[in-house]
Amino acid sequence: MTNVILKTYNAAKIDFVNNLESGTKIKFTNRYGYSVKYSTNNICVGEFTADMFDSENPDKFHINVIIRGVFEFKSDVEKEKLHVESFKELFPFAKSIVATVTTAAGVPPVMLPPFDIESQNIYRFGNN
């Protein structure tokens, strides 16, 4: 049984710039961020930020998105585990939004590369 349930999500921000000449090769740089804010009644809000840009021409090609998800969670689960599980629930929606926006803009879809949050040095809760 899952520890988090995604109740709803939205694209809080989408910023897309494509001023490159047709046929220009793009060398992508990706940056991700994820935070979770907890409130009462076992509800939390996860915020995923993705910034992808051409490392050689960041002012000419970039996409920045902020995707927020509202989650219901079990109260007896560690926050670190909720952080990881909520990220895994929200990431596919962010990936879809980025691909859809870039495709609708007439460029090949930009696909967010997979991201293993469990291998990252994220904030750890507890007495360390």
C-alpha atoms as a PDB file:
ATOM      1  CA  MET A   1       0.000   0.000   0.000  1.00  0.00           C
ATOM      2  CA  THR A   2       1.263   3.449  -0.885  1.00  0.00           C
ATOM      3  CA  ASN A   3       2.252   5.996   1.753  1.00  0.00           C
ATOM      4  CA  VAL A   4       1.325   9.041  -0.357  1.00  0.00           C
ATOM      5  CA  ILE A   5      -1.581   9.713  -2.672  1.00  0.00           C
ATOM      6  CA  LEU A   6      -1.411  12.507  -5.239  1.00  0.00           C
ATOM      7  CA  LYS A   7      -4.717  14.358  -4.969  1.00  0.00           C
ATOM      8  CA  THR A   8      -4.070  17.097  -7.545  1.00  0.00           C
ATOM      9  CA  TYR A   9      -1.239  18.920  -9.309  1.00  0.00           C
ATOM     10  CA  ASN A  10      -0.763  22.083 -11.321  1.00  0.00           C
ATOM     11  CA  ALA A  11       1.847  23.865 -13.374  1.00  0.00           C
ATOM     12  CA  ALA A  12       2.583  26.905 -11.225  1.00  0.00           C
ATOM     13  CA  LYS A  13       5.120  28.272 -13.733  1.00  0.00           C
ATOM     14  CA  ILE A  14       6.138  27.542 -17.302  1.00  0.00           C
ATOM     15  CA  ASP A  15       8.812  29.727 -18.885  1.00  0.00           C
ATOM     16  CA  PHE A  16       9.947  28.702 -22.358  1.00  0.00           C
ATOM     17  CA  VAL A  17      12.299  30.575 -24.709  1.00  0.00           C
ATOM     18  CA  ASN A  18      13.278  29.280 -28.141  1.00  0.00           C
ATOM     19  CA  ASN A  19      15.271  31.815 -30.132  1.00  0.00           C
ATOM     20  CA  LEU A  20      17.758  29.423 -31.718  1.00  0.00           C
ATOM     21  CA  GLU A  21      18.232  29.159 -35.459  1.00  0.00           C
ATOM     22  CA  SER A  22      16.556  26.123 -36.998  1.00  0.00           C
ATOM     23  CA  GLY A  23      18.875  23.114 -36.951  1.00  0.00           C
ATOM     24  CA  THR A  24      21.078  24.400 -34.122  1.00  0.00           C
ATOM     25  CA  LYS A  25      22.425  21.588 -31.938  1.00  0.00           C
ATOM     26  CA  ILE A  26      21.548  21.973 -28.279  1.00  0.00           C
ATOM     27  CA  LYS A  27      23.804  20.899 -25.424  1.00  0.00           C
ATOM     28  CA  PHE A  28      21.436  20.552 -22.471  1.00  0.00           C
ATOM     29  CA  THR A  29      22.146  21.307 -18.856  1.00  0.00           C
ATOM     30  CA  ASN A  30      19.480  20.209 -16.361  1.00  0.00           C
ATOM     31  CA  ARG A  31      18.861  21.348 -12.801  1.00  0.00           C
ATOM     32  CA  TYR A  32      16.188  19.947 -10.528  1.00  0.00           C
ATOM     33  CA  GLY A  33      14.885  20.930  -7.133  1.00  0.00           C
ATOM     34  CA  TYR A  34      12.222  19.431  -4.902  1.00  0.00           C
ATOM     35  CA  SER A  35      10.776  20.521  -1.592  1.00  0.00           C
ATOM     36  CA  VAL A  36       7.822  19.432   0.521  1.00  0.00           C
ATOM     37  CA  LYS A  37       5.792  21.542   2.929  1.00  0.00           C
ATOM     38  CA  TYR A  38       3.712  19.708   5.492  1.00  0.00           C
ATOM     39  CA  SER A  39       0.451  20.978   6.931  1.00  0.00           C
ATOM     40  CA  THR A  40      -2.248  19.610   9.198  1.00  0.00           C
ATOM     41  CA  ASN A  41      -4.584  16.712   8.465  1.00  0.00           C
ATOM     42  CA  ASN A  42      -1.893  14.598   6.747  1.00  0.00           C
ATOM     43  CA  ILE A  43      -1.664  16.884   3.706  1.00  0.00           C
ATOM     44  CA  CYS A  44       1.564  18.100   2.125  1.00  0.00           C
ATOM     45  CA  VAL A  45       2.513  20.096  -0.965  1.00  0.00           C
ATOM     46  CA  GLY A  46       5.461  19.010  -3.080  1.00  0.00           C
ATOM     47  CA  GLU A  47       7.101  21.530  -5.401  1.00  0.00           C
ATOM     48  CA  PHE A  48       9.271  20.294  -8.259  1.00  0.00           C
ATOM     49  CA  THR A  49      11.427  22.785 -10.157  1.00  0.00           C
ATOM     50  CA  ALA A  50      13.168  21.890 -13.403  1.00  0.00           C
ATOM     51  CA  ASP A  51      15.426  24.176 -15.386  1.00  0.00           C
ATOM     52  CA  MET A  52      16.739  22.921 -18.729  1.00  0.00           C
ATOM     53  CA  PHE A  53      18.808  25.114 -20.991  1.00  0.00           C
ATOM     54  CA  ASP A  54      21.329  25.128 -23.800  1.00  0.00           C
ATOM     55  CA  SER A  55      24.635  25.406 -21.941  1.00  0.00           C
ATOM     56  CA  GLU A  56      26.126  27.375 -24.833  1.00  0.00           C
ATOM     57  CA  ASN A  57      23.115  29.700 -25.369  1.00  0.00           C
ATOM     58  CA  PRO A  58      21.022  29.741 -22.166  1.00  0.00           C
ATOM     59  CA  ASP A  59      19.401  33.064 -23.087  1.00  0.00           C
ATOM     60  CA  LYS A  60      18.281  31.662 -26.450  1.00  0.00           C
ATOM     61  CA  PHE A  61      16.878  28.294 -25.377  1.00  0.00           C
ATOM     62  CA  HIS A  62      15.557  27.339 -21.959  1.00  0.00           C
ATOM     63  CA  ILE A  63      12.545  25.927 -20.230  1.00  0.00           C
ATOM     64  CA  ASN A  64      11.810  26.391 -16.553  1.00  0.00           C
ATOM     65  CA  VAL A  65       8.827  24.775 -14.856  1.00  0.00           C
ATOM     66  CA  ILE A  66       7.455  24.636 -11.349  1.00  0.00           C
ATOM     67  CA  ILE A  67       4.991  21.814 -10.750  1.00  0.00           C
ATOM     68  CA  ARG A  68       3.109  21.573  -7.454  1.00  0.00           C
ATOM     69  CA  GLY A  69       1.346  18.489  -6.164  1.00  0.00           C
ATOM     70  CA  VAL A  70      -0.998  18.135  -3.214  1.00  0.00           C
ATOM     71  CA  PHE A  71      -0.633  14.823  -1.413  1.00  0.00           C
ATOM     72  CA  GLU A  72      -2.410  12.953   1.313  1.00  0.00           C
ATOM     73  CA  PHE A  73      -0.084  10.838   3.429  1.00  0.00           C
ATOM     74  CA  LYS A  74      -0.031   8.346   6.268  1.00  0.00           C
ATOM     75  CA  SER A  75       0.884  10.018   9.546  1.00  0.00           C
ATOM     76  CA  ASP A  76       3.146   7.208  10.780  1.00  0.00           C
ATOM     77  CA  VAL A  77       5.594   7.364   7.843  1.00  0.00           C
ATOM     78  CA  GLU A  78       8.965   9.146   8.103  1.00  0.00           C
ATOM     79  CA  LYS A  79       9.118  12.485   6.300  1.00  0.00           C
ATOM     80  CA  GLU A  80      12.201  11.444   4.347  1.00  0.00           C
ATOM     81  CA  LYS A  81      10.253   8.517   2.886  1.00  0.00           C
ATOM     82  CA  LEU A  82       7.285  10.801   2.098  1.00  0.00           C
ATOM     83  CA  HIS A  83       9.655  13.223   0.385  1.00  0.00           C
ATOM     84  CA  VAL A  84      11.005  10.490  -1.895  1.00  0.00           C
ATOM     85  CA  GLU A  85       7.623   8.895  -2.626  1.00  0.00           C
ATOM     86  CA  SER A  86       5.894  12.197  -3.385  1.00  0.00           C
ATOM     87  CA  PHE A  87       8.714  13.116  -5.787  1.00  0.00           C
ATOM     88  CA  LYS A  88       8.288   9.809  -7.592  1.00  0.00           C
ATOM     89  CA  GLU A  89       4.540  10.460  -7.944  1.00  0.00           C
ATOM     90  CA  LEU A  90       4.966  14.020  -9.275  1.00  0.00           C
ATOM     91  CA  PHE A  91       7.971  13.580 -11.605  1.00  0.00           C
ATOM     92  CA  PRO A  92       6.076  11.856 -14.473  1.00  0.00           C
ATOM     93  CA  PHE A  93       3.640  14.801 -14.649  1.00  0.00           C
ATOM     94  CA  ALA A  94       6.515  17.285 -14.863  1.00  0.00           C
ATOM     95  CA  LYS A  95       8.132  15.183 -17.587  1.00  0.00           C
ATOM     96  CA  SER A  96       4.878  15.128 -19.565  1.00  0.00           C
ATOM     97  CA  ILE A  97       4.308  18.881 -19.229  1.00  0.00           C
ATOM     98  CA  VAL A  98       7.824  19.729 -20.474  1.00  0.00           C
ATOM     99  CA  ALA A  99       7.496  17.370 -23.455  1.00  0.00           C
ATOM    100  CA  THR A 100       4.035  18.724 -24.315  1.00  0.00           C
ATOM    101  CA  VAL A 101       5.057  22.393 -24.132  1.00  0.00           C
ATOM    102  CA  THR A 102       8.114  21.934 -26.311  1.00  0.00           C
ATOM    103  CA  THR A 103       6.240  19.798 -28.849  1.00  0.00           C
ATOM    104  CA  ALA A 104       3.406  22.343 -29.038  1.00  0.00           C
ATOM    105  CA  ALA A 105       6.040  25.020 -29.699  1.00  0.00           C
ATOM    106  CA  GLY A 106       7.173  23.170 -32.819  1.00  0.00           C
ATOM    107  CA  VAL A 107      10.423  21.691 -31.569  1.00  0.00           C
ATOM    108  CA  PRO A 108      11.225  18.059 -30.838  1.00  0.00           C
ATOM    109  CA  PRO A 109       9.992  17.123 -27.363  1.00  0.00           C
ATOM    110  CA  VAL A 110      12.401  17.899 -24.557  1.00  0.00           C
ATOM    111  CA  MET A 111      12.410  14.894 -22.254  1.00  0.00           C
ATOM    112  CA  LEU A 112      13.463  15.277 -18.640  1.00  0.00           C
ATOM    113  CA  PRO A 113      16.128  12.669 -17.987  1.00  0.00           C
ATOM    114  CA  PRO A 114      15.309  10.129 -15.266  1.00  0.00           C
ATOM    115  CA  PHE A 115      16.306  11.259 -11.793  1.00  0.00           C
ATOM    116  CA  ASP A 116      17.034   8.899  -8.905  1.00  0.00           C
ATOM    117  CA  ILE A 117      16.153  10.982  -5.869  1.00  0.00           C
ATOM    118  CA  GLU A 118      17.140   8.168  -3.522  1.00  0.00           C
ATOM    119  CA  SER A 119      20.785   8.422  -4.599  1.00  0.00           C
ATOM    120  CA  GLN A 120      20.905  12.166  -3.875  1.00  0.00           C
ATOM    121  CA  ASN A 121      22.144  13.811  -0.714  1.00  0.00           C
ATOM    122  CA  ILE A 122      18.815  15.266   0.349  1.00  0.00           C
ATOM    123  CA  TYR A 123      17.962  16.862   3.652  1.00  0.00           C
ATOM    124  CA  ARG A 124      17.793  14.166   6.312  1.00  0.00           C
ATOM    125  CA  PHE A 125      15.381  14.385   9.224  1.00  0.00           C
ATOM    126  CA  GLY A 126      16.340  13.346  12.724  1.00  0.00           C
ATOM    127  CA  ASN A 127      19.095  13.898  15.244  1.00  0.00           C
ATOM    128  CA  ASN A 128      22.256  13.982  13.132  1.00  0.00           C
END
